[in-house]
Amino acid sequence: MAVKRIDIELFLTLYQNMPVFDVRSPGEYNHAHIPGAYSLPLFTDEERKVVGTTYKQQSREAAIKVGLDYFGTKMRKMVEEVEGITKNKKQVIVHCWRGGMRSAGVAWLLDLYGFEVYTLVGGYKVFRRHVLNTFNQSFHFRILGGYTGSGKTYVLSALQKSGEAVIDLEGLANHKGSAFGAIGMPVQPSQEMFENLLAVELNKKRNKTIWLEDESQRLGLVNIPQPMWVIMRHSVVFFLDIPFEERLKHITAEYGKLDKERMVNAIIRIKKRLGGLETKTAINYLVEDDMEKSFEVLLKYYDKQYSKGLHNRENLESFLNKIPCAAVDATKNAQRLMASLQMEKFA
């Protein structure tokens, strides 16, 4: 068997059903990688530095010899690791940064052992180009709006269960979009990794109308790419209009369990915008375990912020649809939303 070199178009088809092995160093992989790819580093971060330095200061040949010293001791372990992941599957894809010597070396080893091996021409670099190109394409979005505490994430989940195409931006970003959005969530991905995850989701749903939550461009430490953000800001908004008291009950139940010290720190972070008196009041209520009163102060603040963001759109009235909802109930509110869509279609 010979190693087969594939371009990005064929890769995007094959990698849906074939294990992908990223042979870059752990540091490169941990920063960002192709979603779903397994880390199979040819070199550690330190070894990669040594090989790179040898290449620059001596020669290509000297660097290859140093690399072979590292590679030789790892061959059996790498084969066994791939076997453990693939089980009885014999087809694998291997890539490195630019489709150079690292992927060629590992591909040779796996091919020698009996795997059917494909390598991505251009490596991870060409995948990144594909990701960035994705954001410059046009998509049809429906935006789910509503003040804080409306349970928008749960409505999106209900829509998805009913067969609608949904992308959970907060889920991909590991952040709920407010000063409290990181509390109780896993570590956020890097900006690059967030873009990779988002591009894969967009491409899966390319020919469908996609539901997204109405977000700020920034979600904690990551940003929605500008071209996509522009499309979102010009898409139809379906606004869940839920009474303040109902939203307050929901948010108190959801956030009331969070770590109190981290909550206080989050309130202090928005002190400038919240105002000194409101900050002090919200923290005092929190310390006294009166969660509802604390969240009442915060919810009024977030309602003003959201309203400002909502209305900071050109011709808002032409694509804002308000959906009156009695309470925070994901299933019922998703049904109301779909009923409203049907009425519009036949109006």
Protein backbone atom coordinates (compact mmCIF):
# COMPACT_ATOMS: atom_id res chain seq x y z
CA MET A 1 0.00 0.00 0.00
CA ALA A 2 1.10 3.57 -0.58
CA VAL A 3 0.21 6.66 1.43
CA LYS A 4 -2.52 8.67 -0.33
CA ARG A 5 -2.34 12.46 -0.33
CA ILE A 6 -5.75 14.18 -0.21
CA ASP A 7 -6.84 17.79 -0.64
CA ILE A 8 -9.05 19.71 1.82
CA GLU A 9 -12.27 18.99 -0.12
CA LEU A 10 -11.82 15.21 0.03
CA PHE A 11 -10.58 15.47 3.63
CA LEU A 12 -13.82 17.23 4.68
CA THR A 13 -15.80 14.29 3.31
CA LEU A 14 -13.60 11.48 4.64
CA TYR A 15 -12.98 12.82 8.13
CA GLN A 16 -16.67 12.49 9.03
CA ASN A 17 -16.20 8.70 9.24
CA MET A 18 -12.44 8.19 9.53
CA PRO A 19 -10.15 8.77 12.56
CA VAL A 20 -7.84 11.77 12.17
CA PHE A 21 -4.45 11.88 13.92
CA ASP A 22 -2.78 15.23 14.59
CA VAL A 23 0.98 14.60 14.89
CA ARG A 24 1.87 18.17 15.90
CA SER A 25 3.29 18.79 19.38
CA PRO A 26 0.96 18.78 22.43
CA GLY A 27 1.24 22.58 22.73
CA GLU A 28 0.11 23.11 19.13
CA TYR A 29 -2.77 20.64 19.55
CA ASN A 30 -3.93 22.10 22.88
CA HIS A 31 -4.00 25.63 21.44
CA ALA A 32 -6.31 24.56 18.60
CA HIS A 33 -6.94 21.52 16.42
CA ILE A 34 -9.37 20.02 13.94
CA PRO A 35 -12.48 19.12 15.99
CA GLY A 36 -12.56 15.38 16.62
CA ALA A 37 -8.87 14.82 15.78
CA TYR A 38 -6.77 12.69 18.14
CA SER A 39 -3.42 13.97 19.42
CA LEU A 40 -0.57 11.68 18.32
CA PRO A 41 2.50 13.91 18.78
CA LEU A 42 5.65 12.90 16.93
CA PHE A 43 7.66 15.22 19.20
CA THR A 44 7.09 16.74 22.61
CA ASP A 45 7.10 20.56 22.75
CA GLU A 46 10.73 20.50 23.91
CA GLU A 47 11.81 18.01 21.22
CA ARG A 48 10.13 20.12 18.55
CA LYS A 49 12.19 23.14 19.71
CA VAL A 50 15.42 21.14 19.54
CA VAL A 51 14.66 19.85 16.01
CA GLY A 52 13.70 23.38 14.88
CA THR A 53 16.85 24.91 16.33
CA THR A 54 19.02 22.23 14.70
CA TYR A 55 17.33 22.92 11.35
CA LYS A 56 18.02 26.67 11.62
CA GLN A 57 21.52 26.49 13.05
CA GLN A 58 22.92 23.42 11.26
CA SER A 59 21.01 21.84 8.37
CA ARG A 60 17.91 19.97 7.26
CA GLU A 61 19.82 16.68 7.33
CA ALA A 62 21.08 17.25 10.89
CA ALA A 63 17.52 18.08 12.02
CA ILE A 64 16.18 14.87 10.44
CA LYS A 65 18.81 12.81 12.30
CA VAL A 66 17.85 14.41 15.61
CA GLY A 67 14.20 13.78 14.80
CA LEU A 68 14.91 10.13 14.02
CA ASP A 69 16.55 9.71 17.44
CA TYR A 70 13.27 10.81 19.03
CA PHE A 71 11.02 8.98 16.58
CA GLY A 72 12.79 5.61 16.80
CA THR A 73 11.98 5.06 20.47
CA LYS A 74 8.29 5.95 19.98
CA MET A 75 7.38 3.85 16.95
CA ARG A 76 5.86 0.86 18.75
CA LYS A 77 3.97 3.04 21.25
CA MET A 78 2.49 5.18 18.43
CA VAL A 79 1.32 2.12 16.47
CA GLU A 80 -0.28 0.63 19.59
CA GLU A 81 -1.98 3.94 20.40
CA VAL A 82 -3.50 4.13 16.91
CA GLU A 83 -4.58 0.48 17.16
CA GLY A 84 -6.29 1.20 20.49
CA ILE A 85 -8.26 4.09 19.02
CA THR A 86 -9.17 2.58 15.65
CA LYS A 87 -10.00 -0.94 16.96
CA ASN A 88 -10.70 -2.92 13.77
CA LYS A 89 -10.76 0.07 11.39
CA LYS A 90 -7.74 0.18 9.13
CA GLN A 91 -8.20 3.56 7.42
CA VAL A 92 -6.68 6.65 9.05
CA ILE A 93 -5.89 10.27 8.21
CA VAL A 94 -2.66 11.87 9.44
CA HIS A 95 -1.76 15.56 9.38
CA CYS A 96 0.79 17.98 10.81
CA TRP A 97 1.11 21.77 10.50
CA ARG A 98 1.87 22.08 6.77
CA GLY A 99 1.75 18.50 5.53
CA GLY A 100 5.53 18.14 5.79
CA MET A 101 8.01 15.76 7.36
CA ARG A 102 6.17 15.05 10.61
CA SER A 103 3.04 13.69 8.94
CA ALA A 104 5.15 11.96 6.27
CA GLY A 105 7.15 10.11 8.94
CA VAL A 106 4.12 8.91 10.92
CA ALA A 107 2.21 8.07 7.72
CA TRP A 108 5.16 5.92 6.57
CA LEU A 109 5.17 4.05 9.90
CA LEU A 110 1.41 3.38 9.91
CA ASP A 111 1.46 2.39 6.24
CA LEU A 112 4.35 -0.02 6.93
CA TYR A 113 2.33 -1.58 9.75
CA GLY A 114 -0.65 -2.17 7.48
CA PHE A 115 -2.98 0.82 7.84
CA GLU A 116 -4.51 2.50 4.79
CA VAL A 117 -3.14 6.00 5.33
CA TYR A 118 -4.25 9.37 3.97
CA THR A 119 -2.36 12.62 4.57
CA LEU A 120 -3.85 16.09 4.25
CA VAL A 121 -1.98 18.18 1.70
CA GLY A 122 -1.18 21.50 3.38
CA GLY A 123 -1.93 20.08 6.84
CA TYR A 124 -3.67 22.00 9.62
CA LYS A 125 -2.74 25.26 7.89
CA VAL A 126 -5.03 24.49 4.94
CA PHE A 127 -7.84 23.49 7.33
CA ARG A 128 -7.51 26.91 9.02
CA ARG A 129 -7.80 28.60 5.64
CA HIS A 130 -11.02 26.64 5.07
CA VAL A 131 -12.32 27.75 8.50
CA LEU A 132 -11.69 31.43 7.81
CA ASN A 133 -13.25 31.13 4.33
CA THR A 134 -16.37 29.63 5.93
CA PHE A 135 -17.08 32.88 7.79
CA ASN A 136 -17.00 34.86 4.54
CA GLN A 137 -19.86 32.82 3.08
CA SER A 138 -23.55 33.63 3.39
CA PHE A 139 -25.85 31.79 5.80
CA HIS A 140 -29.53 32.07 6.63
CA PHE A 141 -29.98 32.66 10.36
CA ARG A 142 -32.96 33.06 12.65
CA ILE A 143 -32.02 34.85 15.87
CA LEU A 144 -33.65 33.87 19.16
CA GLY A 145 -33.89 36.97 21.36
CA GLY A 146 -35.18 37.71 24.82
CA TYR A 147 -34.06 39.43 27.99
CA THR A 148 -31.72 37.67 30.43
CA GLY A 149 -33.47 34.83 32.23
CA SER A 150 -35.77 33.96 29.31
CA GLY A 151 -34.31 30.45 29.05
CA LYS A 152 -33.20 30.98 25.45
CA THR A 153 -30.62 28.17 25.58
CA TYR A 154 -33.32 25.71 26.67
CA VAL A 155 -35.64 26.87 23.88
CA LEU A 156 -32.84 26.30 21.36
CA SER A 157 -32.46 22.79 22.73
CA ALA A 158 -36.22 22.20 22.35
CA LEU A 159 -36.08 23.51 18.77
CA GLN A 160 -33.21 21.14 18.01
CA LYS A 161 -35.16 18.18 19.39
CA SER A 162 -38.05 19.11 17.08
CA GLY A 163 -35.71 18.87 14.06
CA GLU A 164 -34.63 22.50 13.62
CA ALA A 165 -30.99 23.35 12.77
CA VAL A 166 -29.42 24.98 15.84
CA ILE A 167 -25.93 26.17 16.80
CA ASP A 168 -25.37 26.73 20.51
CA LEU A 169 -22.79 29.54 20.52
CA GLU A 170 -22.58 29.58 24.32
CA GLY A 171 -22.01 25.83 24.36
CA LEU A 172 -19.15 26.10 21.85
CA ALA A 173 -17.63 29.04 23.77
CA ASN A 174 -18.13 27.45 27.23
CA HIS A 175 -19.56 30.79 28.35
CA LYS A 176 -23.09 32.05 29.03
CA GLY A 177 -22.41 35.54 27.77
CA SER A 178 -22.60 37.69 30.93
CA ALA A 179 -20.17 38.68 33.69
CA PHE A 180 -21.30 35.45 35.39
CA GLY A 181 -21.04 33.38 32.19
CA ALA A 182 -17.83 31.51 33.04
CA ILE A 183 -18.92 30.40 36.54
CA GLY A 184 -19.47 26.65 36.67
CA MET A 185 -18.42 26.24 33.02
CA PRO A 186 -15.40 24.34 31.59
CA VAL A 187 -12.31 26.33 30.53
CA GLN A 188 -12.98 28.36 27.37
CA PRO A 189 -11.36 27.31 24.09
CA SER A 190 -8.84 29.61 22.42
CA GLN A 191 -10.23 32.00 19.80
CA GLU A 192 -8.76 29.76 17.09
CA MET A 193 -10.37 26.62 18.53
CA PHE A 194 -13.73 28.38 18.93
CA GLU A 195 -13.59 29.34 15.25
CA ASN A 196 -12.73 25.74 14.27
CA LEU A 197 -15.69 24.35 16.25
CA LEU A 198 -18.03 27.02 14.87
CA ALA A 199 -16.96 26.51 11.23
CA VAL A 200 -17.54 22.74 11.49
CA GLU A 201 -21.08 23.36 12.83
CA LEU A 202 -21.84 25.94 10.14
CA ASN A 203 -20.68 23.59 7.38
CA LYS A 204 -22.79 20.72 8.75
CA LYS A 205 -25.89 22.93 8.48
CA ARG A 206 -24.88 24.89 5.39
CA ASN A 207 -28.11 24.43 3.39
CA LYS A 208 -30.49 24.95 6.31
CA THR A 209 -31.94 27.90 8.19
CA ILE A 210 -29.92 28.02 11.42
CA TRP A 211 -31.22 29.17 14.82
CA LEU A 212 -28.76 31.15 16.95
CA GLU A 213 -29.15 32.94 20.25
CA ASP A 214 -28.96 36.75 20.17
CA GLU A 215 -25.49 37.30 21.64
CA SER A 216 -22.99 40.07 22.12
CA GLN A 217 -20.09 39.64 19.72
CA ARG A 218 -17.88 38.79 22.69
CA LEU A 219 -18.52 35.64 24.73
CA GLY A 220 -16.07 35.82 27.61
CA LEU A 221 -12.60 35.51 26.03
CA VAL A 222 -13.74 34.67 22.48
CA ASN A 223 -15.42 36.65 19.72
CA ILE A 224 -17.95 35.68 17.07
CA PRO A 225 -16.06 36.29 13.78
CA GLN A 226 -16.94 39.69 12.30
CA PRO A 227 -18.43 38.51 8.95
CA MET A 228 -20.78 36.11 10.77
CA TRP A 229 -21.64 38.77 13.35
CA VAL A 230 -22.69 41.15 10.55
CA ILE A 231 -25.09 38.51 9.13
CA MET A 232 -26.50 37.90 12.63
CA ARG A 233 -27.18 41.61 13.11
CA HIS A 234 -29.17 41.69 9.85
CA SER A 235 -31.18 38.51 10.53
CA VAL A 236 -34.78 38.20 11.72
CA VAL A 237 -35.07 38.29 15.54
CA PHE A 238 -37.73 36.25 17.37
CA PHE A 239 -37.98 37.91 20.77
CA LEU A 240 -39.39 35.88 23.69
CA ASP A 241 -41.38 38.49 25.61
CA ILE A 242 -41.54 37.08 29.16
CA PRO A 243 -42.60 39.02 32.29
CA PHE A 244 -39.79 40.28 34.55
CA GLU A 245 -41.05 38.32 37.61
CA GLU A 246 -41.00 35.02 35.69
CA ARG A 247 -37.49 35.63 34.43
CA LEU A 248 -36.35 36.60 37.92
CA LYS A 249 -37.67 33.29 39.32
CA HIS A 250 -35.85 31.37 36.58
CA ILE A 251 -32.52 33.16 36.95
CA THR A 252 -32.61 32.90 40.76
CA ALA A 253 -33.11 29.14 40.51
CA GLU A 254 -30.37 28.75 37.87
CA TYR A 255 -27.67 31.08 39.22
CA GLY A 256 -28.56 30.83 42.92
CA LYS A 257 -26.51 27.63 43.22
CA LEU A 258 -23.28 29.19 41.93
CA ASP A 259 -20.21 29.89 44.04
CA LYS A 260 -20.92 33.03 46.09
CA GLU A 261 -17.35 34.38 46.09
CA ARG A 262 -17.11 34.12 42.30
CA MET A 263 -20.51 35.81 42.01
CA VAL A 264 -19.30 38.74 44.16
CA ASN A 265 -16.15 39.07 42.01
CA ALA A 266 -18.29 39.05 38.85
CA ILE A 267 -20.49 41.85 40.24
CA ILE A 268 -17.38 43.89 41.09
CA ARG A 269 -16.16 43.47 37.49
CA ILE A 270 -19.26 45.28 36.16
CA LYS A 271 -19.20 47.96 38.89
CA LYS A 272 -18.43 50.82 36.47
CA ARG A 273 -21.49 50.09 34.34
CA LEU A 274 -23.73 48.88 37.15
CA GLY A 275 -23.02 51.90 39.37
CA GLY A 276 -21.58 52.07 42.90
CA LEU A 277 -24.88 51.97 44.81
CA GLU A 278 -26.37 49.09 42.80
CA THR A 279 -23.10 47.14 43.10
CA LYS A 280 -23.10 47.54 46.87
CA THR A 281 -26.80 46.64 47.10
CA ALA A 282 -26.47 43.52 44.93
CA ILE A 283 -23.45 42.28 46.90
CA ASN A 284 -25.10 42.95 50.28
CA TYR A 285 -28.18 40.94 49.29
CA LEU A 286 -25.92 38.15 48.02
CA VAL A 287 -23.94 38.04 51.28
CA GLU A 288 -27.22 37.92 53.21
CA ASP A 289 -28.36 34.95 51.07
CA ASP A 290 -31.23 36.95 49.57
CA MET A 291 -30.54 35.72 46.04
CA GLU A 292 -33.79 36.98 44.56
CA LYS A 293 -33.23 40.58 45.69
CA SER A 294 -29.63 40.49 44.44
CA PHE A 295 -30.68 39.15 41.04
CA GLU A 296 -33.49 41.69 40.83
CA VAL A 297 -30.86 44.47 40.87
CA LEU A 298 -28.71 42.64 38.32
CA LEU A 299 -31.60 41.69 36.04
CA LYS A 300 -32.70 45.34 35.72
CA TYR A 301 -29.14 46.21 34.70
CA TYR A 302 -28.95 43.38 32.14
CA ASP A 303 -32.38 44.30 30.71
CA LYS A 304 -31.06 47.80 29.96
CA GLN A 305 -27.87 46.38 28.40
CA TYR A 306 -29.78 43.89 26.26
CA SER A 307 -32.32 46.50 25.13
CA LYS A 308 -29.45 48.77 24.07
CA GLY A 309 -27.85 45.95 22.05
CA LEU A 310 -31.17 44.88 20.52
CA HIS A 311 -32.07 48.38 19.37
CA ASN A 312 -28.58 49.12 18.07
CA ARG A 313 -29.59 47.61 14.72
CA GLU A 314 -30.55 49.35 11.51
CA ASN A 315 -34.26 49.02 10.62
CA LEU A 316 -34.96 46.85 13.69
CA GLU A 317 -38.74 47.17 13.26
CA SER A 318 -38.55 45.38 9.90
CA PHE A 319 -37.16 42.16 11.37
CA LEU A 320 -38.21 42.08 15.04
CA ASN A 321 -40.96 39.60 15.94
CA LYS A 322 -42.18 39.63 19.55
CA ILE A 323 -43.54 36.35 20.87
CA PRO A 324 -45.58 36.89 24.09
CA CYS A 325 -44.84 34.09 26.58
CA ALA A 326 -46.45 33.68 30.00
CA ALA A 327 -43.49 31.96 31.70
CA VAL A 328 -40.05 30.42 31.20
CA ASP A 329 -41.07 27.09 29.68
CA ALA A 330 -38.76 25.81 26.95
CA THR A 331 -41.17 23.33 25.34
CA LYS A 332 -44.20 25.65 25.29
CA ASN A 333 -42.16 28.66 24.15
CA ALA A 334 -40.54 26.66 21.33
CA GLN A 335 -44.05 25.62 20.21
CA ARG A 336 -45.23 29.25 20.33
CA LEU A 337 -42.22 30.22 18.25
CA MET A 338 -42.92 27.61 15.57
CA ALA A 339 -46.64 28.49 15.55
CA SER A 340 -45.70 32.15 15.00
CA LEU A 341 -43.48 31.10 12.07
CA GLN A 342 -46.33 29.11 10.50
CA MET A 343 -48.70 32.07 10.84
CA GLU A 344 -46.16 34.32 9.10
CA LYS A 345 -45.79 31.82 6.24
CA PHE A 346 -49.51 31.71 5.56
CA ALA A 347 -50.27 35.35 6.34
